[in-house]
Amino acid sequence: MPGVLANEPPQAVCKVLSISRRTLRYRIRKNVFPQPLRVGPDGRLLRWHPADLADYLKRTRGHVGAAAALRDLPNASAQPPAPGVAQ
């Protein structure tokens, strides 16, 4: 996905996963969830690349669940690739 910036805020990620911000922070700290990219002059703004979220969802929910969850993200512009499709 060249040209796609990290654009998923924590609130959107929490809503899609049906978890709290505290649970999200816990999963990040335990390396269960992908590390966020820190954006902005002071690095306080957290964002995730849609591909990282798609990979996480595929690992935890499978391809069908990942596609359904990604449709709920406000900034998701691309669906996860189908199994066996080369990029």
PDB file of N, CA and C in Angstrom:
ATOM      1  N   MET A   1       0.819  -1.184   0.000  1.00  0.00           N
ATOM      2  CA  MET A   1       0.000   0.000   0.000  1.00  0.00           C
ATOM      3  C   MET A   1       0.861   1.245   0.000  1.00  0.00           C
ATOM      4  N   PRO A   2       1.582   1.490  -1.047  1.00  0.00           N
ATOM      5  CA  PRO A   2       2.402   2.692  -1.061  1.00  0.00           C
ATOM      6  C   PRO A   2       1.544   3.942  -1.014  1.00  0.00           C
ATOM      7  N   GLY A   3       2.008   4.923  -0.278  1.00  0.00           N
ATOM      8  CA  GLY A   3       1.307   6.190  -0.207  1.00  0.00           C
ATOM      9  C   GLY A   3       0.238   6.244   0.868  1.00  0.00           C
ATOM     10  N   VAL A   4      -0.058   5.129   1.525  1.00  0.00           N
ATOM     11  CA  VAL A   4      -1.057   5.136   2.585  1.00  0.00           C
ATOM     12  C   VAL A   4      -0.344   5.420   3.896  1.00  0.00           C
ATOM     13  N   LEU A   5      -0.780   6.452   4.582  1.00  0.00           N
ATOM     14  CA  LEU A   5      -0.167   6.805   5.847  1.00  0.00           C
ATOM     15  C   LEU A   5      -0.851   6.059   6.974  1.00  0.00           C
ATOM     16  N   ALA A   6      -0.179   5.993   8.088  1.00  0.00           N
ATOM     17  CA  ALA A   6      -0.784   5.421   9.279  1.00  0.00           C
ATOM     18  C   ALA A   6      -1.928   6.339   9.676  1.00  0.00           C
ATOM     19  N   ASN A   7      -3.144   5.831   9.630  1.00  0.00           N
ATOM     20  CA  ASN A   7      -4.258   6.749   9.814  1.00  0.00           C
ATOM     21  C   ASN A   7      -5.362   6.242  10.713  1.00  0.00           C
ATOM     22  N   GLU A   8      -5.149   5.187  11.450  1.00  0.00           N
ATOM     23  CA  GLU A   8      -6.196   4.684  12.320  1.00  0.00           C
ATOM     24  C   GLU A   8      -5.941   5.111  13.754  1.00  0.00           C
ATOM     25  N   PRO A   9      -6.800   5.967  14.313  1.00  0.00           N
ATOM     26  CA  PRO A   9      -6.611   6.425  15.688  1.00  0.00           C
ATOM     27  C   PRO A   9      -7.033   5.350  16.693  1.00  0.00           C
ATOM     28  N   PRO A  10      -6.558   5.455  17.930  1.00  0.00           N
ATOM     29  CA  PRO A  10      -6.895   4.452  18.950  1.00  0.00           C
ATOM     30  C   PRO A  10      -8.401   4.280  19.160  1.00  0.00           C
ATOM     31  N   GLN A  11      -9.161   5.366  19.084  1.00  0.00           N
ATOM     32  CA  GLN A  11     -10.602   5.255  19.297  1.00  0.00           C
ATOM     33  C   GLN A  11     -11.250   4.344  18.266  1.00  0.00           C
ATOM     34  N   ALA A  12     -10.837   4.461  17.011  1.00  0.00           N
ATOM     35  CA  ALA A  12     -11.401   3.628  15.949  1.00  0.00           C
ATOM     36  C   ALA A  12     -11.001   2.174  16.131  1.00  0.00           C
ATOM     37  N   VAL A  13      -9.752   1.952  16.518  1.00  0.00           N
ATOM     38  CA  VAL A  13      -9.260   0.590  16.732  1.00  0.00           C
ATOM     39  C   VAL A  13     -10.029  -0.060  17.883  1.00  0.00           C
ATOM     40  N   CYS A  14     -10.207   0.670  18.966  1.00  0.00           N
ATOM     41  CA  CYS A  14     -10.943   0.139  20.118  1.00  0.00           C
ATOM     42  C   CYS A  14     -12.387  -0.184  19.759  1.00  0.00           C
ATOM     43  N   LYS A  15     -12.998   0.669  18.976  1.00  0.00           N
ATOM     44  CA  LYS A  15     -14.388   0.446  18.588  1.00  0.00           C
ATOM     45  C   LYS A  15     -14.517  -0.826  17.751  1.00  0.00           C
ATOM     46  N   VAL A  16     -13.625  -1.019  16.785  1.00  0.00           N
ATOM     47  CA  VAL A  16     -13.681  -2.195  15.914  1.00  0.00           C
ATOM     48  C   VAL A  16     -13.428  -3.464  16.715  1.00  0.00           C
ATOM     49  N   LEU A  17     -12.492  -3.412  17.660  1.00  0.00           N
ATOM     50  CA  LEU A  17     -12.158  -4.596  18.450  1.00  0.00           C
ATOM     51  C   LEU A  17     -13.081  -4.793  19.649  1.00  0.00           C
ATOM     52  N   SER A  18     -13.918  -3.809  19.926  1.00  0.00           N
ATOM     53  CA  SER A  18     -14.817  -3.834  21.091  1.00  0.00           C
ATOM     54  C   SER A  18     -14.027  -4.001  22.390  1.00  0.00           C
ATOM     55  N   ILE A  19     -12.994  -3.180  22.528  1.00  0.00           N
ATOM     56  CA  ILE A  19     -12.181  -3.186  23.740  1.00  0.00           C
ATOM     57  C   ILE A  19     -11.991  -1.749  24.215  1.00  0.00           C
ATOM     58  N   SER A  20     -11.542  -1.606  25.458  1.00  0.00           N
ATOM     59  CA  SER A  20     -11.281  -0.278  25.998  1.00  0.00           C
ATOM     60  C   SER A  20      -9.876   0.181  25.623  1.00  0.00           C
ATOM     61  N   ARG A  21      -9.604   1.467  25.815  1.00  0.00           N
ATOM     62  CA  ARG A  21      -8.260   1.991  25.564  1.00  0.00           C
ATOM     63  C   ARG A  21      -7.246   1.318  26.490  1.00  0.00           C
ATOM     64  N   ARG A  22      -7.678   1.045  27.714  1.00  0.00           N
ATOM     65  CA  ARG A  22      -6.784   0.396  28.668  1.00  0.00           C
ATOM     66  C   ARG A  22      -6.404  -1.012  28.191  1.00  0.00           C
ATOM     67  N   THR A  23      -7.362  -1.753  27.676  1.00  0.00           N
ATOM     68  CA  THR A  23      -7.081  -3.087  27.143  1.00  0.00           C
ATOM     69  C   THR A  23      -6.161  -2.990  25.939  1.00  0.00           C
ATOM     70  N   LEU A  24      -6.371  -1.990  25.090  1.00  0.00           N
ATOM     71  CA  LEU A  24      -5.496  -1.790  23.933  1.00  0.00           C
ATOM     72  C   LEU A  24      -4.062  -1.531  24.390  1.00  0.00           C
ATOM     73  N   ARG A  25      -3.892  -0.645  25.375  1.00  0.00           N
ATOM     74  CA  ARG A  25      -2.550  -0.366  25.898  1.00  0.00           C
ATOM     75  C   ARG A  25      -1.908  -1.628  26.484  1.00  0.00           C
ATOM     76  N   TYR A  26      -2.694  -2.427  27.188  1.00  0.00           N
ATOM     77  CA  TYR A  26      -2.181  -3.667  27.762  1.00  0.00           C
ATOM     78  C   TYR A  26      -1.708  -4.610  26.663  1.00  0.00           C
ATOM     79  N   ARG A  27      -2.497  -4.777  25.606  1.00  0.00           N
ATOM     80  CA  ARG A  27      -2.129  -5.679  24.510  1.00  0.00           C
ATOM     81  C   ARG A  27      -0.884  -5.180  23.773  1.00  0.00           C
ATOM     82  N   ILE A  28      -0.736  -3.876  23.651  1.00  0.00           N
ATOM     83  CA  ILE A  28       0.463  -3.314  23.020  1.00  0.00           C
ATOM     84  C   ILE A  28       1.681  -3.601  23.898  1.00  0.00           C
ATOM     85  N   ARG A  29       1.536  -3.359  25.192  1.00  0.00           N
ATOM     86  CA  ARG A  29       2.646  -3.571  26.120  1.00  0.00           C
ATOM     87  C   ARG A  29       3.086  -5.035  26.151  1.00  0.00           C
ATOM     88  N   LYS A  30       2.146  -5.961  26.009  1.00  0.00           N
ATOM     89  CA  LYS A  30       2.450  -7.398  26.029  1.00  0.00           C
ATOM     90  C   LYS A  30       2.812  -7.928  24.639  1.00  0.00           C
ATOM     91  N   ASN A  31       2.910  -7.048  23.657  1.00  0.00           N
ATOM     92  CA  ASN A  31       3.236  -7.411  22.261  1.00  0.00           C
ATOM     93  C   ASN A  31       2.237  -8.372  21.645  1.00  0.00           C
ATOM     94  N   VAL A  32       0.986  -8.266  22.062  1.00  0.00           N
ATOM     95  CA  VAL A  32      -0.090  -9.037  21.454  1.00  0.00           C
ATOM     96  C   VAL A  32      -0.650  -8.266  20.258  1.00  0.00           C
ATOM     97  N   PHE A  33      -0.636  -6.953  20.355  1.00  0.00           N
ATOM     98  CA  PHE A  33      -1.152  -6.062  19.317  1.00  0.00           C
ATOM     99  C   PHE A  33       0.021  -5.305  18.713  1.00  0.00           C
ATOM    100  N   PRO A  34      -0.043  -4.967  17.413  1.00  0.00           N
ATOM    101  CA  PRO A  34       1.080  -4.246  16.777  1.00  0.00           C
ATOM    102  C   PRO A  34       1.386  -2.920  17.476  1.00  0.00           C
ATOM    103  N   GLN A  35       2.658  -2.597  17.518  1.00  0.00           N
ATOM    104  CA  GLN A  35       3.092  -1.327  18.097  1.00  0.00           C
ATOM    105  C   GLN A  35       2.580  -0.177  17.238  1.00  0.00           C
ATOM    106  N   PRO A  36       2.122   0.902  17.856  1.00  0.00           N
ATOM    107  CA  PRO A  36       1.655   2.045  17.069  1.00  0.00           C
ATOM    108  C   PRO A  36       2.832   2.858  16.540  1.00  0.00           C
ATOM    109  N   LEU A  37       2.552   3.623  15.511  1.00  0.00           N
ATOM    110  CA  LEU A  37       3.506   4.603  15.020  1.00  0.00           C
ATOM    111  C   LEU A  37       3.233   5.895  15.774  1.00  0.00           C
ATOM    112  N   ARG A  38       4.258   6.523  16.241  1.00  0.00           N
ATOM    113  CA  ARG A  38       4.095   7.785  16.969  1.00  0.00           C
ATOM    114  C   ARG A  38       4.282   8.926  15.988  1.00  0.00           C
ATOM    115  N   VAL A  39       3.285   9.782  15.904  1.00  0.00           N
ATOM    116  CA  VAL A  39       3.248  10.856  14.915  1.00  0.00           C
ATOM    117  C   VAL A  39       3.194  12.190  15.641  1.00  0.00           C
ATOM    118  N   GLY A  40       3.667  13.220  14.974  1.00  0.00           N
ATOM    119  CA  GLY A  40       3.597  14.563  15.530  1.00  0.00           C
ATOM    120  C   GLY A  40       4.929  14.993  16.099  1.00  0.00           C
ATOM    121  N   PRO A  41       5.033  16.263  16.416  1.00  0.00           N
ATOM    122  CA  PRO A  41       6.307  16.800  16.883  1.00  0.00           C
ATOM    123  C   PRO A  41       6.772  16.188  18.205  1.00  0.00           C
ATOM    124  N   ASP A  42       5.833  15.827  19.076  1.00  0.00           N
ATOM    125  CA  ASP A  42       6.226  15.251  20.365  1.00  0.00           C
ATOM    126  C   ASP A  42       5.989  13.737  20.433  1.00  0.00           C
ATOM    127  N   GLY A  43       5.473  13.140  19.365  1.00  0.00           N
ATOM    128  CA  GLY A  43       5.269  11.700  19.315  1.00  0.00           C
ATOM    129  C   GLY A  43       4.130  11.182  20.167  1.00  0.00           C
ATOM    130  N   ARG A  44       3.211  12.062  20.549  1.00  0.00           N
ATOM    131  CA  ARG A  44       2.105  11.645  21.408  1.00  0.00           C
ATOM    132  C   ARG A  44       0.907  11.128  20.636  1.00  0.00           C
ATOM    133  N   LEU A  45       0.862  11.391  19.347  1.00  0.00           N
ATOM    134  CA  LEU A  45      -0.260  10.967  18.522  1.00  0.00           C
ATOM    135  C   LEU A  45       0.010   9.545  18.034  1.00  0.00           C
ATOM    136  N   LEU A  46      -0.867   8.612  18.372  1.00  0.00           N
ATOM    137  CA  LEU A  46      -0.691   7.215  17.996  1.00  0.00           C
ATOM    138  C   LEU A  46      -1.558   6.881  16.793  1.00  0.00           C
ATOM    139  N   ARG A  47      -0.964   6.169  15.850  1.00  0.00           N
ATOM    140  CA  ARG A  47      -1.692   5.721  14.664  1.00  0.00           C
ATOM    141  C   ARG A  47      -1.186   4.340  14.273  1.00  0.00           C
ATOM    142  N   TRP A  48      -2.044   3.585  13.588  1.00  0.00           N
ATOM    143  CA  TRP A  48      -1.673   2.279  13.078  1.00  0.00           C
ATOM    144  C   TRP A  48      -1.880   2.253  11.581  1.00  0.00           C
ATOM    145  N   HIS A  49      -1.011   1.569  10.896  1.00  0.00           N
ATOM    146  CA  HIS A  49      -1.150   1.386   9.462  1.00  0.00           C
ATOM    147  C   HIS A  49      -2.260   0.361   9.230  1.00  0.00           C
ATOM    148  N   PRO A  50      -3.144   0.602   8.278  1.00  0.00           N
ATOM    149  CA  PRO A  50      -4.226  -0.353   8.017  1.00  0.00           C
ATOM    150  C   PRO A  50      -3.740  -1.775   7.734  1.00  0.00           C
ATOM    151  N   ALA A  51      -2.571  -1.927   7.119  1.00  0.00           N
ATOM    152  CA  ALA A  51      -2.039  -3.270   6.841  1.00  0.00           C
ATOM    153  C   ALA A  51      -1.682  -3.994   8.141  1.00  0.00           C
ATOM    154  N   ASP A  52      -1.154  -3.261   9.126  1.00  0.00           N
ATOM    155  CA  ASP A  52      -0.847  -3.880  10.419  1.00  0.00           C
ATOM    156  C   ASP A  52      -2.122  -4.360  11.099  1.00  0.00           C
ATOM    157  N   LEU A  53      -3.173  -3.549  11.011  1.00  0.00           N
ATOM    158  CA  LEU A  53      -4.452  -3.954  11.596  1.00  0.00           C
ATOM    159  C   LEU A  53      -5.031  -5.157  10.870  1.00  0.00           C
ATOM    160  N   ALA A  54      -4.923  -5.169   9.556  1.00  0.00           N
ATOM    161  CA  ALA A  54      -5.434  -6.299   8.772  1.00  0.00           C
ATOM    162  C   ALA A  54      -4.700  -7.579   9.147  1.00  0.00           C
ATOM    163  N   ASP A  55      -3.381  -7.512   9.296  1.00  0.00           N
ATOM    164  CA  ASP A  55      -2.598  -8.688   9.689  1.00  0.00           C
ATOM    165  C   ASP A  55      -3.026  -9.197  11.065  1.00  0.00           C
ATOM    166  N   TYR A  56      -3.206  -8.281  12.006  1.00  0.00           N
ATOM    167  CA  TYR A  56      -3.635  -8.667  13.349  1.00  0.00           C
ATOM    168  C   TYR A  56      -5.002  -9.341  13.304  1.00  0.00           C
ATOM    169  N   LEU A  57      -5.920  -8.726  12.568  1.00  0.00           N
ATOM    170  CA  LEU A  57      -7.270  -9.285  12.491  1.00  0.00           C
ATOM    171  C   LEU A  57      -7.279 -10.643  11.802  1.00  0.00           C
ATOM    172  N   LYS A  58      -6.448 -10.828  10.795  1.00  0.00           N
ATOM    173  CA  LYS A  58      -6.365 -12.135  10.130  1.00  0.00           C
ATOM    174  C   LYS A  58      -5.854 -13.196  11.094  1.00  0.00           C
ATOM    175  N   ARG A  59      -4.871 -12.824  11.918  1.00  0.00           N
ATOM    176  CA  ARG A  59      -4.337 -13.783  12.900  1.00  0.00           C
ATOM    177  C   ARG A  59      -5.374 -14.155  13.943  1.00  0.00           C
ATOM    178  N   THR A  60      -6.193 -13.202  14.348  1.00  0.00           N
ATOM    179  CA  THR A  60      -7.121 -13.445  15.447  1.00  0.00           C
ATOM    180  C   THR A  60      -8.524 -13.836  15.006  1.00  0.00           C
ATOM    181  N   ARG A  61      -8.946 -13.416  13.827  1.00  0.00           N
ATOM    182  CA  ARG A  61     -10.323 -13.673  13.390  1.00  0.00           C
ATOM    183  C   ARG A  61     -10.428 -14.395  12.066  1.00  0.00           C
ATOM    184  N   GLY A  62      -9.339 -14.602  11.383  1.00  0.00           N
ATOM    185  CA  GLY A  62      -9.389 -15.217  10.068  1.00  0.00           C
ATOM    186  C   GLY A  62      -9.687 -14.180   9.001  1.00  0.00           C
ATOM    187  N   HIS A  63      -9.658 -14.597   7.746  1.00  0.00           N
ATOM    188  CA  HIS A  63      -9.822 -13.663   6.627  1.00  0.00           C
ATOM    189  C   HIS A  63     -11.220 -13.060   6.567  1.00  0.00           C
ATOM    190  N   VAL A  64     -12.251 -13.857   6.818  1.00  0.00           N
ATOM    191  CA  VAL A  64     -13.622 -13.353   6.732  1.00  0.00           C
ATOM    192  C   VAL A  64     -13.881 -12.355   7.848  1.00  0.00           C
ATOM    193  N   GLY A  65     -13.459 -12.688   9.063  1.00  0.00           N
ATOM    194  CA  GLY A  65     -13.638 -11.771  10.184  1.00  0.00           C
ATOM    195  C   GLY A  65     -12.852 -10.493  10.011  1.00  0.00           C
ATOM    196  N   ALA A  66     -11.658 -10.605   9.434  1.00  0.00           N
ATOM    197  CA  ALA A  66     -10.832  -9.416   9.199  1.00  0.00           C
ATOM    198  C   ALA A  66     -11.504  -8.483   8.207  1.00  0.00           C
ATOM    199  N   ALA A  67     -12.035  -9.038   7.138  1.00  0.00           N
ATOM    200  CA  ALA A  67     -12.707  -8.203   6.133  1.00  0.00           C
ATOM    201  C   ALA A  67     -13.908  -7.495   6.744  1.00  0.00           C
ATOM    202  N   ALA A  68     -14.668  -8.206   7.563  1.00  0.00           N
ATOM    203  CA  ALA A  68     -15.841  -7.594   8.193  1.00  0.00           C
ATOM    204  C   ALA A  68     -15.432  -6.487   9.163  1.00  0.00           C
ATOM    205  N   ALA A  69     -14.395  -6.718   9.949  1.00  0.00           N
ATOM    206  CA  ALA A  69     -13.949  -5.720  10.919  1.00  0.00           C
ATOM    207  C   ALA A  69     -13.354  -4.505  10.236  1.00  0.00           C
ATOM    208  N   LEU A  70     -12.609  -4.714   9.160  1.00  0.00           N
ATOM    209  CA  LEU A  70     -11.979  -3.587   8.466  1.00  0.00           C
ATOM    210  C   LEU A  70     -13.004  -2.678   7.810  1.00  0.00           C
ATOM    211  N   ARG A  71     -14.144  -3.214   7.454  1.00  0.00           N
ATOM    212  CA  ARG A  71     -15.198  -2.361   6.882  1.00  0.00           C
ATOM    213  C   ARG A  71     -15.691  -1.341   7.904  1.00  0.00           C
ATOM    214  N   ASP A  72     -15.530  -1.644   9.197  1.00  0.00           N
ATOM    215  CA  ASP A  72     -15.980  -0.740  10.253  1.00  0.00           C
ATOM    216  C   ASP A  72     -15.000   0.387  10.541  1.00  0.00           C
ATOM    217  N   LEU A  73     -13.757   0.266  10.049  1.00  0.00           N
ATOM    218  CA  LEU A  73     -12.780   1.325  10.283  1.00  0.00           C
ATOM    219  C   LEU A  73     -13.096   2.524   9.392  1.00  0.00           C
ATOM    220  N   PRO A  74     -13.105   3.720   9.945  1.00  0.00           N
ATOM    221  CA  PRO A  74     -13.473   4.889   9.157  1.00  0.00           C
ATOM    222  C   PRO A  74     -12.480   5.228   8.053  1.00  0.00           C
ATOM    223  N   ASN A  75     -11.198   4.932   8.230  1.00  0.00           N
ATOM    224  CA  ASN A  75     -10.181   5.328   7.258  1.00  0.00           C
ATOM    225  C   ASN A  75      -9.676   4.190   6.402  1.00  0.00           C
ATOM    226  N   ALA A  76     -10.227   3.012   6.558  1.00  0.00           N
ATOM    227  CA  ALA A  76      -9.734   1.856   5.799  1.00  0.00           C
ATOM    228  C   ALA A  76     -10.110   2.029   4.330  1.00  0.00           C
ATOM    229  N   SER A  77      -9.088   2.113   3.498  1.00  0.00           N
ATOM    230  CA  SER A  77      -9.342   2.315   2.077  1.00  0.00           C
ATOM    231  C   SER A  77      -9.197   1.041   1.285  1.00  0.00           C
ATOM    232  N   ALA A  78      -8.562   0.037   1.871  1.00  0.00           N
ATOM    233  CA  ALA A  78      -8.335  -1.202   1.134  1.00  0.00           C
ATOM    234  C   ALA A  78      -8.736  -2.393   1.987  1.00  0.00           C
ATOM    235  N   GLN A  79      -9.265  -3.396   1.337  1.00  0.00           N
ATOM    236  CA  GLN A  79      -9.620  -4.628   2.014  1.00  0.00           C
ATOM    237  C   GLN A  79      -8.383  -5.512   2.085  1.00  0.00           C
ATOM    238  N   PRO A  80      -8.351  -6.447   3.048  1.00  0.00           N
ATOM    239  CA  PRO A  80      -7.206  -7.346   3.086  1.00  0.00           C
ATOM    240  C   PRO A  80      -7.200  -8.243   1.869  1.00  0.00           C
ATOM    241  N   PRO A  81      -6.017  -8.628   1.416  1.00  0.00           N
ATOM    242  CA  PRO A  81      -5.950  -9.474   0.229  1.00  0.00           C
ATOM    243  C   PRO A  81      -6.576 -10.836   0.486  1.00  0.00           C
ATOM    244  N   ALA A  82      -7.148 -11.403  -0.556  1.00  0.00           N
ATOM    245  CA  ALA A  82      -7.735 -12.727  -0.438  1.00  0.00           C
ATOM    246  C   ALA A  82      -6.620 -13.746  -0.288  1.00  0.00           C
ATOM    247  N   PRO A  83      -6.918 -14.877   0.373  1.00  0.00           N
ATOM    248  CA  PRO A  83      -5.879 -15.895   0.527  1.00  0.00           C
ATOM    249  C   PRO A  83      -5.362 -16.368  -0.818  1.00  0.00           C
ATOM    250  N   GLY A  84      -4.065 -16.498  -0.928  1.00  0.00           N
ATOM    251  CA  GLY A  84      -3.449 -16.988  -2.151  1.00  0.00           C
ATOM    252  C   GLY A  84      -3.251 -15.952  -3.243  1.00  0.00           C
ATOM    253  N   VAL A  85      -3.612 -14.698  -2.999  1.00  0.00           N
ATOM    254  CA  VAL A  85      -3.448 -13.654  -3.999  1.00  0.00           C
ATOM    255  C   VAL A  85      -2.125 -12.941  -3.761  1.00  0.00           C
ATOM    256  N   ALA A  86      -1.278 -12.938  -4.749  1.00  0.00           N
ATOM    257  CA  ALA A  86       0.030 -12.280  -4.632  1.00  0.00           C
ATOM    258  C   ALA A  86      -0.141 -10.780  -4.774  1.00  0.00           C
ATOM    259  N   GLN A  87       0.722 -10.061  -4.040  1.00  0.00           N
ATOM    260  CA  GLN A  87       0.668  -8.588  -4.153  1.00  0.00           C
ATOM    261  C   GLN A  87       1.887  -8.082  -4.841  1.00  0.00           C
TER     262      GLN A  87
END
